[in-house]
Amino acid sequence: MKAKDVVELYLTSEEFRVEVDEIDPDSLGELSEIPLQIQVILRGERRKRLVFLGFLKLAYDHNPEFAKDYLNLKLSLEDIFRKYGVYTDLEYVALHCLYAVKDEDASHALKKLKTFILSRKK
């Protein structure tokens, strides 16, 4: 499913979060700014993963490879951590893309998350 279709599904369903089987990672590049609150449960055969689509778009703009790996449910969160040093899309944005977050509340929360992540690495 293309990312723009996921956004449309979210907006029309008026649900807290939507579930989809897959998101085409390359379609993230086609999106312009999207709401940060869009939550998607990505479900695969063996696992599910919560994706904050707006934050994943920011991560994609910084490093498309991370977004592709994060959307690949064949990779566990441990695999993601070994490769990138983070477990989630939010953690990735906190460490690498904080400059791109325009929302003050989100930016403040991500700064706290960044502090936690850096303390975890010590």
Protein backbone atom coordinates (compact mmCIF):
# COMPACT_ATOMS: atom_id res chain seq x y z
CA MET A 1 0.00 0.00 0.00
CA LYS A 2 1.30 3.45 -0.83
CA ALA A 3 1.91 5.85 2.05
CA LYS A 4 -0.55 8.41 0.63
CA ASP A 5 -3.26 5.70 0.69
CA VAL A 6 -2.46 4.99 4.34
CA VAL A 7 -2.84 8.70 5.15
CA GLU A 8 -6.18 8.77 3.33
CA LEU A 9 -7.34 5.64 5.17
CA TYR A 10 -6.40 7.22 8.49
CA LEU A 11 -8.17 10.49 7.72
CA THR A 12 -11.35 8.86 6.44
CA SER A 13 -11.61 6.14 9.09
CA GLU A 14 -11.44 8.64 11.95
CA GLU A 15 -9.90 5.96 14.14
CA PHE A 16 -7.09 6.36 16.67
CA ARG A 17 -4.87 4.17 14.46
CA VAL A 18 -5.27 2.04 11.36
CA GLU A 19 -3.95 -1.41 10.50
CA VAL A 20 -2.37 -2.31 7.16
CA ASP A 21 -0.39 -5.26 5.86
CA GLU A 22 2.39 -3.25 4.25
CA ILE A 23 3.56 0.21 3.29
CA ASP A 24 5.70 0.75 0.22
CA PRO A 25 8.78 2.44 1.71
CA ASP A 26 9.62 4.28 -1.51
CA SER A 27 6.18 5.91 -1.47
CA LEU A 28 7.19 7.85 1.66
CA GLY A 29 9.25 10.10 -0.61
CA GLU A 30 6.07 11.10 -2.47
CA LEU A 31 4.51 12.59 0.66
CA SER A 32 4.76 16.21 1.60
CA GLU A 33 4.27 17.20 5.23
CA ILE A 34 1.87 14.86 7.02
CA PRO A 35 0.34 14.98 10.51
CA LEU A 36 2.67 13.59 13.17
CA GLN A 37 -0.16 11.84 15.00
CA ILE A 38 -0.87 9.27 12.27
CA GLN A 39 -0.39 5.86 13.86
CA VAL A 40 -0.34 2.70 11.79
CA ILE A 41 -0.14 -0.87 12.96
CA LEU A 42 1.84 -2.73 10.36
CA ARG A 43 0.98 -6.41 10.52
CA GLY A 44 2.97 -9.21 9.02
CA GLU A 45 2.91 -12.96 9.31
CA ARG A 46 5.00 -13.18 12.46
CA ARG A 47 4.90 -9.73 14.04
CA LYS A 48 3.22 -6.36 14.24
CA ARG A 49 4.88 -2.98 14.50
CA LEU A 50 3.53 0.41 15.49
CA VAL A 51 4.58 3.11 13.02
CA PHE A 52 4.18 6.85 13.53
CA LEU A 53 3.93 7.71 9.86
CA GLY A 54 4.77 11.41 10.20
CA PHE A 55 7.91 10.65 12.15
CA LEU A 56 8.88 7.84 9.79
CA LYS A 57 8.58 10.31 6.92
CA LEU A 58 11.08 12.58 8.70
CA ALA A 59 13.39 9.60 9.19
CA TYR A 60 12.96 8.66 5.52
CA ASP A 61 13.98 12.15 4.44
CA HIS A 62 17.16 11.76 6.51
CA ASN A 63 17.91 8.11 5.74
CA PRO A 64 15.63 6.14 3.39
CA GLU A 65 17.42 2.90 4.32
CA PHE A 66 16.27 3.18 7.95
CA ALA A 67 12.64 3.61 6.88
CA LYS A 68 12.86 0.63 4.53
CA ASP A 69 14.33 -1.54 7.27
CA TYR A 70 11.78 -0.34 9.84
CA LEU A 71 8.90 -1.22 7.52
CA ASN A 72 10.42 -4.65 6.83
CA LEU A 73 8.72 -6.92 9.36
CA LYS A 74 11.19 -9.69 8.61
CA LEU A 75 13.62 -7.63 10.70
CA SER A 76 13.06 -7.68 14.44
CA LEU A 77 13.42 -4.60 16.59
CA GLU A 78 16.67 -6.14 17.85
CA ASP A 79 17.90 -6.25 14.24
CA ILE A 80 16.97 -2.57 13.86
CA PHE A 81 18.78 -1.75 17.10
CA ARG A 82 21.95 -3.58 16.06
CA LYS A 83 22.06 -1.70 12.77
CA TYR A 84 20.94 1.80 13.84
CA GLY A 85 21.24 1.94 17.64
CA VAL A 86 17.51 2.62 18.08
CA TYR A 87 14.39 0.52 18.47
CA THR A 88 11.73 2.80 16.97
CA ASP A 89 11.04 5.49 14.41
CA LEU A 90 10.60 7.97 17.27
CA GLU A 91 14.03 7.16 18.67
CA TYR A 92 15.59 7.59 15.23
CA VAL A 93 14.01 11.02 14.78
CA ALA A 94 15.05 12.05 18.31
CA LEU A 95 18.68 11.24 17.57
CA HIS A 96 19.02 12.28 13.94
CA CYS A 97 16.15 14.49 12.76
CA LEU A 98 15.11 16.64 15.70
CA TYR A 99 15.80 19.76 13.62
CA ALA A 100 12.96 18.76 11.26
CA VAL A 101 10.24 18.57 13.95
CA LYS A 102 8.26 21.80 13.82
CA ASP A 103 5.73 20.99 16.54
CA GLU A 104 7.00 22.42 19.86
CA ASP A 105 5.36 19.78 22.06
CA ALA A 106 6.70 16.92 19.94
CA SER A 107 10.14 18.51 19.83
CA HIS A 108 10.20 18.88 23.62
CA ALA A 109 9.17 15.25 24.14
CA LEU A 110 11.75 14.03 21.60
CA LYS A 111 14.50 15.98 23.38
CA LYS A 112 13.64 14.08 26.57
CA LEU A 113 13.64 10.83 24.62
CA LYS A 114 17.05 11.71 23.16
CA THR A 115 18.43 12.26 26.67
CA PHE A 116 17.09 8.85 27.71
CA ILE A 117 18.56 7.12 24.64
CA LEU A 118 21.97 8.66 25.19
CA SER A 119 21.93 7.64 28.88
CA ARG A 120 20.98 4.09 27.83
CA LYS A 121 24.13 3.87 25.70
CA LYS A 122 26.45 4.64 28.65
